[in-house]
Amino acid sequence: MLLRSLMIAALLLPALSVQANALTCDQVRRAIKDHGESAVLWYAKLNGFSDKRIARIKRNCKLERF
């Protein structure tokens, strides 16, 4: 029983961590407003955001900058 619980937890942990790190469009807009476009872009790339993911965020959030 314990082994089964640990296996389920191991499978769910990556899914939960992805959701915990998800950004809302308001958070992105606020970061751009507070820190500037270049700083936010630098931070995103430093933290592993690909160009494709950044483009998707721009498109989904309807951002003119970033």
Protein backbone atom coordinates (compact mmCIF):
# COMPACT_ATOMS: atom_id res chain seq x y z
CA MET A 1 0.00 0.00 0.00
CA LEU A 2 2.80 2.42 0.86
CA LEU A 3 4.64 1.59 -2.34
CA ARG A 4 1.49 2.27 -4.37
CA SER A 5 1.03 5.65 -2.67
CA LEU A 6 4.65 6.59 -3.37
CA MET A 7 4.30 5.63 -7.03
CA ILE A 8 1.16 7.73 -7.41
CA ALA A 9 2.87 10.68 -5.72
CA ALA A 10 5.89 10.33 -8.00
CA LEU A 11 3.62 10.45 -11.06
CA LEU A 12 1.63 13.45 -9.85
CA LEU A 13 4.52 15.57 -8.58
CA PRO A 14 5.73 16.83 -12.00
CA ALA A 15 2.18 17.78 -13.00
CA LEU A 16 1.64 19.72 -9.80
CA SER A 17 4.95 21.56 -10.08
CA VAL A 18 4.17 22.67 -13.65
CA GLN A 19 0.84 24.13 -12.53
CA ALA A 20 2.46 25.81 -9.54
CA ASN A 21 4.90 27.59 -11.87
CA ALA A 22 2.27 28.68 -14.38
CA LEU A 23 2.09 32.41 -15.02
CA THR A 24 -1.03 34.43 -15.63
CA CYS A 25 -1.13 37.17 -18.25
CA ASP A 26 -1.64 39.73 -15.49
CA GLN A 27 1.56 38.56 -13.78
CA VAL A 28 3.52 38.90 -17.03
CA ARG A 29 2.09 42.37 -17.72
CA ARG A 30 2.87 43.47 -14.17
CA ALA A 31 6.45 42.19 -14.40
CA ILE A 32 6.97 44.06 -17.69
CA LYS A 33 5.51 47.23 -16.17
CA ASP A 34 7.62 46.98 -12.99
CA HIS A 35 10.94 45.75 -14.39
CA GLY A 36 10.93 46.48 -18.10
CA GLU A 37 10.68 44.29 -21.15
CA SER A 38 14.37 43.41 -21.46
CA ALA A 39 14.68 42.37 -17.79
CA VAL A 40 11.62 40.12 -18.02
CA LEU A 41 12.86 38.56 -21.26
CA TRP A 42 16.32 38.00 -19.73
CA TYR A 43 14.75 36.38 -16.64
CA ALA A 44 12.53 34.13 -18.75
CA LYS A 45 15.47 32.89 -20.84
CA LEU A 46 17.62 32.44 -17.73
CA ASN A 47 14.89 30.22 -16.28
CA GLY A 48 14.63 27.99 -19.32
CA PHE A 49 11.82 29.58 -21.30
CA SER A 50 12.33 28.74 -24.97
CA ASP A 51 11.74 31.25 -27.77
CA LYS A 52 8.73 29.16 -28.77
CA ARG A 53 7.25 29.35 -25.26
CA ILE A 54 7.86 33.11 -25.08
CA ALA A 55 6.13 33.55 -28.45
CA ARG A 56 3.17 31.51 -27.20
CA ILE A 57 2.91 33.68 -24.08
CA LYS A 58 2.99 36.83 -26.24
CA ARG A 59 0.27 35.46 -28.48
CA ASN A 60 -1.98 34.12 -25.71
CA CYS A 61 -1.69 37.25 -23.60
CA LYS A 62 -1.92 39.56 -26.61
CA LEU A 63 1.27 41.36 -25.63
CA GLU A 64 2.70 43.95 -27.98
CA ARG A 65 6.00 43.98 -26.10
CA PHE A 66 8.06 41.30 -24.32
